[in-house]
Structure formats: C-alpha cells, structure tokens
Amino acid sequence: MDSVDSRDEETPLVVDSLEIETPRNNTRDIHILSTAFLLIFLSYGAAQNLQSTINTKDNLGTISLGILYTSFTFFSLFASLFVRILGSKNAMILGSSGYWLFVAANLAPSWYTMVPTSAYLGFTASIIWVGEGTYLTSTAFGHAIDHKLHEGTVIGNFNGEFWAFFALHQFVGNLITLAVLREGSEGSTTGTTLLFILFLIIMTLGTVLMFFLRKEDGKGKQELADSSINFYSYVISLSKSIIAPLFDIRMILIIPLIAYSGLQQAFVWAEFTKEVVTPALGVSGVGGSMAVYGAFDAICSLAAGRFTSGLSSITFIVSGGAFAQAFVLLWLLLKYSVTSGVLGALYPLIMAALLGIGDGVLNTQLSALIGILFKHDTEGAFAQFKVWQCVSIAIVFFIYPYISLQTMLIIMLAGICLAMVGFLILTIQVEKTFSSCSP
C-alpha cells in the first residue's frame, strides 16, 4: 500500500501535460512574417517609386506621398495604443489593407482616390510597423525561453532574417516593374494597369500569409478594462517619452542626420526617378535603376550591420555612406547631363548604386546608434527617429513640384553637411564622456 502511494506521489499529474506540450518552433512564424512583408512591400515600394513619373497631372503623385508621410508622422505617436488594443497580429493584418488600397487607387488615380487612401495608409503604416516590432520581439523571447537559448542571439538572428528579406523588396519589385513596362511607352497606361493588378495579387498573397501567423502569448486586452484611465495615463507617459529626448543634447545632435535620412529617401523616390532616370532611360528604366538601388541597399545593409561594433565603427561607416551620397549630389549639380549611348544608360545606374549604399548605411547605423546611446529610453528615441524622418519626407513631397532639381541638390548638400557636423560633434562628446569615466 505504501509502495503504491509513494509511486503515485512520484508521478505528479502536471508532468503529463508538460510532456504532451512540446516547445513551439517560432522560426516558422519568422519565415512567414519575413515573406509576407517582402510580398507586400515589393509591390508598394515599386508603386511608390513610380508616383512622380506616372501621376504627374497637378503633381498628384508627389502630393499624395506628402499627405501619406504627414499622416504617418501623426499616427506614429499613437500607433502603440492601437496595437495594444488589436494585438500585434491583427494590427499587421489591418495595416496591410492600407498598402493594398493605395496600389488599387493607382488603377484610377484622382484626387478622390489617391488623397483619402494616402491618409489612410499613413495610419495603417504606423500600426503595421509597431505590430511587426512587437510581434518579432515577443516571438524571439518566447523561442529563447522555450528552447533555453540566449535571448540576445535569438533576437539578433530573427531580426537578421526579417531585415534581409525586407531589403530585397526594392530589388524584386523593381525588376517586376522593369519586366512589365519594358514594352510600354511613357504615355501608355496599359502597362501600368497590368503592373498594378499584378501587385495587388502579390500583396493579397502577403496578407493571406499573415493569417497563418500564430498569435503571440497574449497579455491581451487586460488593459482595456480601465480604458479611460489607461488611455489618459498612456497619453501622459507617451508625451513624456516623446518630449524628454528633445532635452538631451545627444538627440539634438542626431536629429539633423535623422532628417537627412528621410530627405535622401524622398529625393530618390521623387526627384531622382523623374529628373535623372526617366530622361535617360524612360519610364521602364525606373524599375531597373531602382532594382540596382535596392540591391546595393540590401548588400550594404547586411555588410554595415556585420561590421558594426561600436561608436568608432559607426562613425567610420556613416562617413563612408555620406561621402558616397555627396559624390552623387555634386556630380548631378556640377557635371551631369543626359547623354546617349552606353554611358548615358550607365550613369544613372551608377548613381542609383551609390545612393543605395548611402541609404543602407543610414538605415543600419542610425538604428544601432540610437540603440547604443538611448538604452534606457529606446521607445522615446525611436519615436523621435520616425517622427523626424517622416516629417522630412513629407516636406520634400510637398515642395518638390515648386523647386528645381538644382535647388533640391543644394538643399541636400547643405543637409548632409549639417548632419555630419552634428554627428561628428556627438561622437567627440561621447568619446570624451567615456574617456573621463574610465579609470
């Protein structure tokens, strides 16, 4: 009798349930997430690149993008609240709808279709990116706990896979643009209609993939019980998080570089594609040049991330990227003119490659720099990152129709000089702080 009792005590019921429940393999979810974002953004990114070229009447394309990034800036301040209410998976699914509607609006572009969908996309873009960051981080932590792995290593691996896939969107999307528009002429809409229908199909596949994501372990909607109190406290804490970094001299010195990162992206999407690529290569050449841009952007992002080890390496890499972009800006301002033949086709592709290198450097190094300098307030610091970047992008799209290419190039050169001066002052100050703190 005693032996039976002792055997019963040695076999707790909890063990049975633990043995049945096997650890989740969260790498499956990261594969799905990465592929879904690639499909959605290869379509949207290529469509965005064409806005200043195909929707030229009354500057509809560039003004729509200006509205988009203004909306994106505003809703970025509140996106985490919506993600908290919806859950990160549902937020990403809802977020994809804005990209789908924006591409669909290009089938019948007008002020009544493009402007509302651009404003809505600003909202959905803010929640899809907050949802992605929340979902990926939660999944990485869960995987590390389930499989007893180092959390930092898992987060690094998961982020590496996601951003490697995402960086390919410009390359793949613009190759599709090049292939579909190859036979079309600048005045023909047949090719672009087929292209946007194909993009809608691809984006739909990306959205459907998101439904196969498993929900992260939910802390759910407990915070909704006291919604009024929580909303009020959230707004107060959010305001402090947004305002506090503005009193930090390090953030003030980084802001010009953040603003320039948005400035150069908008320049490529609007001015470069229309004023440099299209005259030399035609509308169909936009896809090819942006594929080159995306390929070098992706390669440089991976390489720069691999070589990043601290502030010294960030300074060296950022300086190299700034030099590459400054070279292109000076080339366009002082020497470049459209020519025929092989060189006429090659020059825009070389410029696209150098601009892609600069963009890859800024994307990786700004994220690393903010993570290193603002470890105790990353949320507020990254909020500043998105706000200032989106503001500068929106400004470019609004002023672009009213200024010449030469004026824009002068603004860009002034911006890069101001950004690098602030950045170098920052690195000197931080190095002095470290050296004074060391024994």
Protein backbone atom coordinates (compact mmCIF):
# COMPACT_ATOMS: atom_id res chain seq x y z
CA MET A 1 0.00 0.00 0.00
CA ASP A 2 2.80 2.36 0.92
CA SER A 3 4.63 1.48 -2.26
CA VAL A 4 1.58 2.33 -4.35
CA ASP A 5 1.19 5.67 -2.58
CA SER A 6 4.82 6.51 -2.98
CA ARG A 7 4.68 5.72 -6.71
CA ASP A 8 1.64 7.96 -7.06
CA GLU A 9 3.47 10.79 -5.29
CA GLU A 10 6.49 10.37 -7.56
CA THR A 11 4.35 10.89 -10.69
CA PRO A 12 2.70 14.33 -10.50
CA LEU A 13 -0.16 14.97 -12.85
CA VAL A 14 1.49 18.17 -14.12
CA VAL A 15 4.28 16.18 -15.78
CA ASP A 16 1.80 14.50 -18.13
CA SER A 17 0.60 17.83 -19.51
CA LEU A 18 4.16 19.15 -19.84
CA GLU A 19 5.25 16.07 -21.73
CA ILE A 20 2.37 16.46 -24.17
CA GLU A 21 3.05 20.18 -24.78
CA THR A 22 6.15 20.47 -26.97
CA PRO A 23 8.00 23.79 -27.28
CA ARG A 24 6.86 26.00 -30.15
CA ASN A 25 9.26 26.35 -33.04
CA ASN A 26 8.89 30.07 -33.62
CA THR A 27 11.26 30.13 -36.59
CA ARG A 28 8.23 29.11 -38.68
CA ASP A 29 6.48 32.36 -37.74
CA ILE A 30 9.53 34.45 -38.62
CA HIS A 31 9.73 32.78 -42.05
CA ILE A 32 6.06 33.64 -42.63
CA LEU A 33 6.42 37.20 -41.30
CA SER A 34 9.50 37.91 -43.43
CA THR A 35 7.93 36.51 -46.60
CA ALA A 36 4.66 38.40 -46.03
CA PHE A 37 6.45 41.74 -45.65
CA LEU A 38 8.57 41.04 -48.73
CA LEU A 39 5.45 40.40 -50.84
CA ILE A 40 3.60 43.46 -49.54
CA PHE A 41 6.48 45.91 -49.77
CA LEU A 42 7.93 44.77 -53.10
CA SER A 43 4.57 45.82 -54.53
CA TYR A 44 4.14 49.03 -52.56
CA GLY A 45 7.78 50.13 -52.89
CA ALA A 46 7.76 49.80 -56.68
CA ALA A 47 4.41 51.62 -56.90
CA GLN A 48 5.76 54.43 -54.73
CA ASN A 49 8.82 54.84 -56.94
CA LEU A 50 6.54 55.45 -59.94
CA GLN A 51 4.36 58.16 -58.36
CA SER A 52 6.34 61.16 -59.55
CA THR A 53 6.57 59.64 -63.05
CA ILE A 54 3.06 58.37 -63.84
CA ASN A 55 0.76 60.58 -61.71
CA THR A 56 2.12 63.90 -62.94
CA LYS A 57 -1.13 65.80 -63.53
CA ASP A 58 -1.31 68.59 -60.91
CA ASN A 59 1.57 66.73 -59.15
CA LEU A 60 -0.94 64.22 -57.81
CA GLY A 61 1.65 61.51 -57.15
CA THR A 62 4.08 63.57 -55.08
CA ILE A 63 1.36 65.44 -53.16
CA SER A 64 -0.29 62.10 -52.30
CA LEU A 65 3.01 60.87 -50.91
CA GLY A 66 3.38 64.09 -48.93
CA ILE A 67 -0.06 63.51 -47.39
CA LEU A 68 0.89 59.89 -46.71
CA TYR A 69 4.00 60.77 -44.73
CA THR A 70 2.29 63.62 -42.88
CA SER A 71 -0.37 61.13 -41.77
CA PHE A 72 2.35 58.58 -40.94
CA THR A 73 4.11 61.15 -38.74
CA PHE A 74 0.95 61.98 -36.80
CA PHE A 75 -0.30 58.43 -36.25
CA SER A 76 3.17 57.17 -35.24
CA LEU A 77 2.60 58.99 -31.94
CA PHE A 78 -0.43 56.79 -31.14
CA ALA A 79 0.31 53.58 -33.01
CA SER A 80 1.36 51.58 -29.95
CA LEU A 81 -2.06 52.21 -28.37
CA PHE A 82 -3.87 50.73 -31.39
CA VAL A 83 -1.50 47.75 -31.44
CA ARG A 84 -2.12 47.17 -27.75
CA ILE A 85 -5.87 47.10 -28.38
CA LEU A 86 -5.80 44.96 -31.54
CA GLY A 87 -2.87 42.67 -30.77
CA SER A 88 0.21 42.70 -33.00
CA LYS A 89 -1.01 40.04 -35.47
CA ASN A 90 -4.36 41.75 -36.07
CA ALA A 91 -2.62 45.13 -36.30
CA MET A 92 -0.36 43.84 -39.07
CA ILE A 93 -3.29 42.34 -40.99
CA LEU A 94 -5.22 45.62 -40.72
CA GLY A 95 -2.06 47.53 -41.57
CA SER A 96 -1.65 45.68 -44.86
CA SER A 97 -5.05 46.96 -46.02
CA GLY A 98 -3.72 50.50 -46.43
CA TYR A 99 -0.98 49.37 -48.80
CA TRP A 100 -3.48 47.34 -50.83
CA LEU A 101 -5.87 50.29 -51.17
CA PHE A 102 -3.06 52.67 -52.14
CA VAL A 103 -1.94 50.43 -55.01
CA ALA A 104 -5.59 49.89 -56.04
CA ALA A 105 -6.13 53.67 -56.16
CA ASN A 106 -3.44 53.87 -58.83
CA LEU A 107 -5.75 51.98 -61.22
CA ALA A 108 -7.97 55.09 -61.30
CA PRO A 109 -5.78 57.91 -59.96
CA SER A 110 -7.58 61.11 -58.99
CA TRP A 111 -7.80 63.45 -56.03
CA TYR A 112 -10.83 61.48 -54.83
CA THR A 113 -8.97 58.15 -54.78
CA MET A 114 -5.33 58.97 -54.05
CA VAL A 115 -5.69 61.52 -51.25
CA PRO A 116 -8.02 59.51 -48.94
CA THR A 117 -6.08 56.29 -49.47
CA SER A 118 -2.78 58.10 -48.77
CA ALA A 119 -4.14 59.49 -45.50
CA TYR A 120 -5.44 56.04 -44.51
CA LEU A 121 -2.11 54.42 -45.45
CA GLY A 122 -0.34 56.79 -43.06
CA PHE A 123 -2.42 55.31 -40.24
CA THR A 124 -2.01 51.67 -41.30
CA ALA A 125 1.73 52.10 -41.94
CA SER A 126 2.22 53.25 -38.36
CA ILE A 127 0.43 50.25 -36.86
CA ILE A 128 1.95 47.64 -39.20
CA TRP A 129 5.47 48.68 -38.19
CA VAL A 130 4.75 48.85 -34.45
CA GLY A 131 2.95 45.50 -34.78
CA GLU A 132 5.91 43.97 -36.61
CA GLY A 133 8.42 45.10 -33.98
CA THR A 134 6.20 43.90 -31.13
CA TYR A 135 5.46 40.54 -32.74
CA LEU A 136 9.06 39.79 -33.72
CA THR A 137 10.45 40.70 -30.29
CA SER A 138 7.77 38.73 -28.43
CA THR A 139 8.32 35.71 -30.70
CA ALA A 140 12.07 35.86 -30.21
CA PHE A 141 11.76 35.98 -26.41
CA GLY A 142 9.30 33.09 -26.46
CA HIS A 143 11.60 31.00 -28.64
CA ALA A 144 14.58 31.68 -26.40
CA ILE A 145 12.65 30.65 -23.28
CA ASP A 146 11.13 27.53 -24.84
CA HIS A 147 14.44 26.27 -26.21
CA LYS A 148 16.70 27.62 -23.42
CA LEU A 149 18.69 29.79 -25.81
CA HIS A 150 20.43 33.13 -25.29
CA GLU A 151 17.84 35.86 -25.80
CA GLY A 152 20.18 38.32 -27.50
CA THR A 153 21.32 35.72 -30.01
CA VAL A 154 17.76 34.75 -30.93
CA ILE A 155 16.63 38.37 -31.30
CA GLY A 156 19.65 39.06 -33.49
CA ASN A 157 19.00 36.03 -35.69
CA PHE A 158 15.29 36.75 -36.09
CA ASN A 159 15.90 40.42 -36.90
CA GLY A 160 18.65 39.46 -39.32
CA GLU A 161 16.33 37.21 -41.29
CA PHE A 162 13.49 39.72 -41.33
CA TRP A 163 15.56 42.70 -42.50
CA ALA A 164 17.44 40.63 -45.07
CA PHE A 165 14.10 39.67 -46.65
CA PHE A 166 12.76 43.23 -46.37
CA ALA A 167 15.84 44.74 -48.03
CA LEU A 168 15.10 42.64 -51.12
CA HIS A 169 11.76 44.37 -51.75
CA GLN A 170 13.24 47.19 -53.84
CA PHE A 171 15.26 44.75 -55.92
CA VAL A 172 12.48 42.24 -56.65
CA GLY A 173 9.66 44.79 -57.00
CA ASN A 174 11.55 46.96 -59.44
CA LEU A 175 12.67 44.01 -61.53
CA ILE A 176 8.97 43.20 -61.95
CA THR A 177 8.35 46.83 -62.93
CA LEU A 178 11.17 46.67 -65.47
CA ALA A 179 9.83 43.44 -66.99
CA VAL A 180 6.19 44.58 -67.25
CA LEU A 181 6.87 48.12 -68.51
CA ARG A 182 9.65 47.17 -70.91
CA GLU A 183 7.33 47.21 -73.92
CA GLY A 184 5.31 50.22 -72.81
CA SER A 185 5.81 53.85 -73.76
CA GLU A 186 5.80 56.81 -71.41
CA GLY A 187 2.31 57.89 -72.44
CA SER A 188 0.73 54.43 -72.31
CA THR A 189 -1.32 53.30 -69.31
CA THR A 190 -1.78 49.70 -70.45
CA GLY A 191 1.49 48.54 -68.93
CA THR A 192 0.96 50.31 -65.62
CA THR A 193 -2.57 48.90 -65.28
CA LEU A 194 -1.26 45.37 -65.71
CA LEU A 195 1.57 46.13 -63.30
CA PHE A 196 -0.74 47.39 -60.53
CA ILE A 197 -3.11 44.41 -60.95
CA LEU A 198 -0.12 42.08 -60.58
CA PHE A 199 1.00 43.99 -57.48
CA LEU A 200 -2.48 43.66 -55.95
CA ILE A 201 -2.36 39.88 -56.43
CA ILE A 202 1.09 39.69 -54.83
CA MET A 203 0.04 41.88 -51.89
CA THR A 204 -3.06 39.75 -51.34
CA LEU A 205 -0.84 36.69 -51.03
CA GLY A 206 1.27 38.54 -48.46
CA THR A 207 -1.79 39.47 -46.40
CA VAL A 208 -3.16 35.91 -46.56
CA LEU A 209 0.19 34.64 -45.25
CA MET A 210 -0.22 36.78 -42.14
CA PHE A 211 -3.34 34.84 -41.16
CA PHE A 212 -1.09 31.80 -40.67
CA LEU A 213 0.96 33.57 -38.01
CA ARG A 214 0.36 32.16 -34.55
CA LYS A 215 -0.72 34.75 -32.01
CA GLU A 216 1.92 35.73 -29.50
CA ASP A 217 1.23 34.72 -25.92
CA GLY A 218 -1.37 37.34 -25.13
CA LYS A 219 -1.24 39.77 -22.39
CA GLY A 220 -4.25 40.53 -24.23
CA LYS A 221 -6.66 43.15 -23.60
CA GLN A 222 -6.43 43.33 -19.85
CA GLU A 223 -5.57 46.99 -20.09
CA LEU A 224 -8.87 47.75 -21.78
CA ALA A 225 -10.81 47.16 -18.56
CA ASP A 226 -9.93 50.64 -17.36
CA SER A 227 -9.76 52.11 -20.83
CA SER A 228 -10.33 55.73 -19.83
CA ILE A 229 -7.74 55.63 -17.06
CA ASN A 230 -5.28 53.68 -19.14
CA PHE A 231 -5.75 55.92 -22.16
CA TYR A 232 -5.12 59.01 -20.02
CA SER A 233 -2.03 57.52 -18.37
CA TYR A 234 -0.83 56.29 -21.75
CA VAL A 235 -1.08 59.78 -23.26
CA ILE A 236 0.80 61.29 -20.29
CA SER A 237 3.60 58.71 -20.43
CA LEU A 238 3.75 58.95 -24.22
CA SER A 239 4.05 62.74 -24.05
CA LYS A 240 6.94 62.46 -21.61
CA SER A 241 8.60 59.81 -23.77
CA ILE A 242 8.35 61.98 -26.88
CA ILE A 243 9.34 65.29 -25.26
CA ALA A 244 12.12 64.10 -22.89
CA PRO A 245 14.64 63.17 -25.64
CA LEU A 246 14.39 66.70 -27.05
CA PHE A 247 16.15 67.96 -23.92
CA ASP A 248 19.03 65.53 -24.47
CA ILE A 249 21.95 67.11 -26.34
CA ARG A 250 22.74 63.75 -27.95
CA MET A 251 19.33 63.60 -29.59
CA ILE A 252 19.55 67.22 -30.73
CA LEU A 253 22.85 66.40 -32.46
CA ILE A 254 21.41 63.27 -34.12
CA ILE A 255 18.20 64.91 -35.41
CA PRO A 256 19.90 66.52 -38.47
CA LEU A 257 21.21 63.08 -39.53
CA ILE A 258 17.78 61.52 -38.98
CA ALA A 259 16.14 64.29 -41.01
CA TYR A 260 18.69 63.84 -43.78
CA SER A 261 17.98 60.10 -43.90
CA GLY A 262 14.35 60.93 -44.75
CA LEU A 263 15.41 63.71 -47.11
CA GLN A 264 17.61 61.41 -49.21
CA GLN A 265 14.94 58.70 -49.40
CA ALA A 266 12.34 61.16 -50.66
CA PHE A 267 14.87 62.59 -53.13
CA VAL A 268 15.40 59.14 -54.64
CA TRP A 269 11.68 58.34 -54.80
CA ALA A 270 10.60 61.69 -56.28
CA GLU A 271 13.40 63.75 -57.87
CA PHE A 272 15.93 61.11 -58.89
CA THR A 273 13.46 58.81 -60.64
CA LYS A 274 11.76 61.62 -62.56
CA GLU A 275 14.53 64.14 -63.24
CA VAL A 276 17.52 61.82 -63.75
CA VAL A 277 16.39 58.27 -64.57
CA THR A 278 13.35 58.92 -66.78
CA PRO A 279 15.09 61.35 -69.21
CA ALA A 280 17.96 58.89 -69.66
CA LEU A 281 16.21 55.51 -69.55
CA GLY A 282 12.48 56.19 -69.94
CA VAL A 283 9.66 55.16 -67.60
CA SER A 284 10.57 51.48 -67.91
CA GLY A 285 14.10 52.35 -66.76
CA VAL A 286 12.80 53.46 -63.36
CA GLY A 287 12.30 49.82 -62.38
CA GLY A 288 15.80 48.83 -63.46
CA SER A 289 17.56 51.71 -61.72
CA MET A 290 15.59 51.18 -58.51
CA ALA A 291 16.39 47.46 -58.65
CA VAL A 292 20.07 48.42 -58.68
CA TYR A 293 19.38 50.85 -55.83
CA GLY A 294 17.62 48.12 -53.83
CA ALA A 295 20.32 45.51 -54.47
CA PHE A 296 23.13 47.77 -53.24
CA ASP A 297 20.96 48.96 -50.36
CA ALA A 298 20.41 45.34 -49.24
CA ILE A 299 24.07 44.32 -49.65
CA CYS A 300 25.31 47.40 -47.82
CA SER A 301 22.76 46.98 -45.01
CA LEU A 302 23.99 43.44 -44.36
CA ALA A 303 27.66 44.41 -44.62
CA ALA A 304 27.33 47.52 -42.45
CA GLY A 305 25.43 45.55 -39.81
CA ARG A 306 28.12 42.87 -39.79
CA PHE A 307 30.93 45.40 -39.27
CA THR A 308 29.15 47.48 -36.62
CA SER A 309 30.81 47.02 -33.24
CA GLY A 310 30.61 50.40 -31.50
CA LEU A 311 30.71 54.15 -31.88
CA SER A 312 34.05 54.19 -33.73
CA SER A 313 32.87 51.78 -36.41
CA ILE A 314 29.56 53.66 -36.75
CA THR A 315 31.46 56.92 -37.29
CA PHE A 316 33.63 55.36 -39.99
CA ILE A 317 30.72 53.66 -41.80
CA VAL A 318 28.41 56.72 -41.69
CA SER A 319 31.22 58.91 -43.05
CA GLY A 320 31.69 56.48 -45.97
CA GLY A 321 27.97 56.46 -46.77
CA ALA A 322 27.77 60.26 -46.57
CA PHE A 323 30.73 60.57 -48.93
CA ALA A 324 29.05 58.24 -51.47
CA GLN A 325 25.86 60.31 -51.49
CA ALA A 326 27.68 63.66 -51.50
CA PHE A 327 29.63 62.48 -54.56
CA VAL A 328 26.37 61.80 -56.44
CA LEU A 329 24.86 65.15 -55.41
CA LEU A 330 27.94 67.09 -56.57
CA TRP A 331 28.04 65.07 -59.79
CA LEU A 332 24.43 65.98 -60.57
CA LEU A 333 24.92 69.62 -59.60
CA LEU A 334 28.20 70.34 -61.40
CA LYS A 335 28.89 67.87 -64.18
CA TYR A 336 25.98 65.63 -65.16
CA SER A 337 23.96 65.96 -68.34
CA VAL A 338 21.85 63.40 -70.20
CA THR A 339 23.89 61.67 -72.91
CA SER A 340 23.15 58.91 -75.38
CA GLY A 341 24.81 55.54 -75.78
CA VAL A 342 26.13 53.12 -73.19
CA LEU A 343 27.41 55.81 -70.81
CA GLY A 344 24.06 57.58 -70.90
CA ALA A 345 22.39 54.41 -69.64
CA LEU A 346 25.19 53.51 -67.22
CA TYR A 347 25.50 56.81 -65.34
CA PRO A 348 22.01 56.69 -63.68
CA LEU A 349 22.66 53.09 -62.61
CA ILE A 350 25.99 54.04 -61.00
CA MET A 351 24.27 56.89 -59.19
CA ALA A 352 21.49 54.55 -58.03
CA ALA A 353 24.09 52.13 -56.64
CA LEU A 354 25.89 54.89 -54.70
CA LEU A 355 22.62 56.29 -53.35
CA GLY A 356 21.61 52.75 -52.29
CA ILE A 357 24.91 52.34 -50.43
CA GLY A 358 24.28 55.57 -48.55
CA ASP A 359 20.73 54.57 -47.66
CA GLY A 360 21.83 51.14 -46.41
CA VAL A 361 24.44 52.81 -44.20
CA LEU A 362 21.97 55.28 -42.69
CA ASN A 363 19.29 52.64 -42.05
CA THR A 364 21.58 50.30 -40.15
CA GLN A 365 23.83 52.79 -38.38
CA LEU A 366 21.13 55.15 -37.14
CA SER A 367 19.27 52.22 -35.57
CA ALA A 368 22.49 50.94 -33.97
CA LEU A 369 23.49 54.42 -32.77
CA ILE A 370 20.11 55.10 -31.15
CA GLY A 371 20.15 51.66 -29.52
CA ILE A 372 23.62 52.28 -28.07
CA LEU A 373 23.06 55.84 -26.84
CA PHE A 374 19.48 55.53 -25.57
CA LYS A 375 19.37 52.10 -23.95
CA HIS A 376 17.13 53.35 -21.13
CA ASP A 377 14.61 55.16 -23.33
CA THR A 378 14.60 53.37 -26.66
CA GLU A 379 10.86 53.88 -27.16
CA GLY A 380 11.11 57.67 -26.96
CA ALA A 381 14.29 57.76 -29.05
CA PHE A 382 12.88 55.59 -31.83
CA ALA A 383 9.68 57.65 -31.79
CA GLN A 384 11.85 60.70 -32.49
CA PHE A 385 13.53 58.73 -35.28
CA LYS A 386 10.25 58.03 -37.11
CA VAL A 387 8.78 61.48 -36.48
CA TRP A 388 11.74 63.49 -37.83
CA GLN A 389 12.33 61.08 -40.71
CA CYS A 390 8.68 61.18 -41.81
CA VAL A 391 8.48 64.98 -41.42
CA SER A 392 11.44 65.48 -43.77
CA ILE A 393 9.99 63.02 -46.30
CA ALA A 394 6.62 64.80 -46.24
CA ILE A 395 8.24 68.21 -46.72
CA VAL A 396 10.14 67.03 -49.80
CA PHE A 397 6.99 65.68 -51.44
CA PHE A 398 5.14 68.94 -50.79
CA ILE A 399 7.86 71.33 -52.00
CA TYR A 400 9.20 69.14 -54.83
CA PRO A 401 6.76 70.42 -57.50
CA TYR A 402 7.77 74.04 -56.83
CA ILE A 403 11.58 73.86 -56.82
CA SER A 404 14.12 72.92 -59.45
CA LEU A 405 16.46 69.94 -59.33
CA GLN A 406 19.41 72.28 -58.75
CA THR A 407 17.71 73.88 -55.73
CA MET A 408 16.92 70.46 -54.31
CA LEU A 409 20.54 69.38 -54.75
CA ILE A 410 21.78 72.46 -52.89
CA ILE A 411 19.32 71.73 -50.04
CA MET A 412 20.55 68.13 -49.94
CA LEU A 413 24.21 69.16 -49.80
CA ALA A 414 23.51 71.67 -47.04
CA GLY A 415 21.58 68.99 -45.18
CA ILE A 416 24.34 66.41 -45.40
CA CYS A 417 26.95 68.91 -44.24
CA LEU A 418 24.84 69.97 -41.24
CA ALA A 419 24.08 66.33 -40.42
CA MET A 420 27.74 65.28 -40.49
CA VAL A 421 28.86 68.27 -38.40
CA GLY A 422 26.30 67.42 -35.72
CA PHE A 423 27.19 63.73 -35.89
CA LEU A 424 30.94 64.33 -35.54
CA ILE A 425 30.39 66.71 -32.60
CA LEU A 426 28.28 63.98 -30.99
CA THR A 427 30.98 61.32 -31.41
CA ILE A 428 33.63 63.65 -29.92
CA GLN A 429 31.41 64.42 -26.93
CA VAL A 430 30.56 60.77 -26.31
CA GLU A 431 34.20 59.71 -26.61
CA LYS A 432 35.17 62.41 -24.09
CA THR A 433 32.49 61.16 -21.69
CA PHE A 434 33.73 57.56 -21.97
CA SER A 435 37.36 58.57 -21.50
CA SER A 436 36.56 60.73 -18.44
CA CYS A 437 34.59 57.86 -16.88
CA SER A 438 37.33 55.28 -17.46
CA PRO A 439 39.87 54.73 -14.64
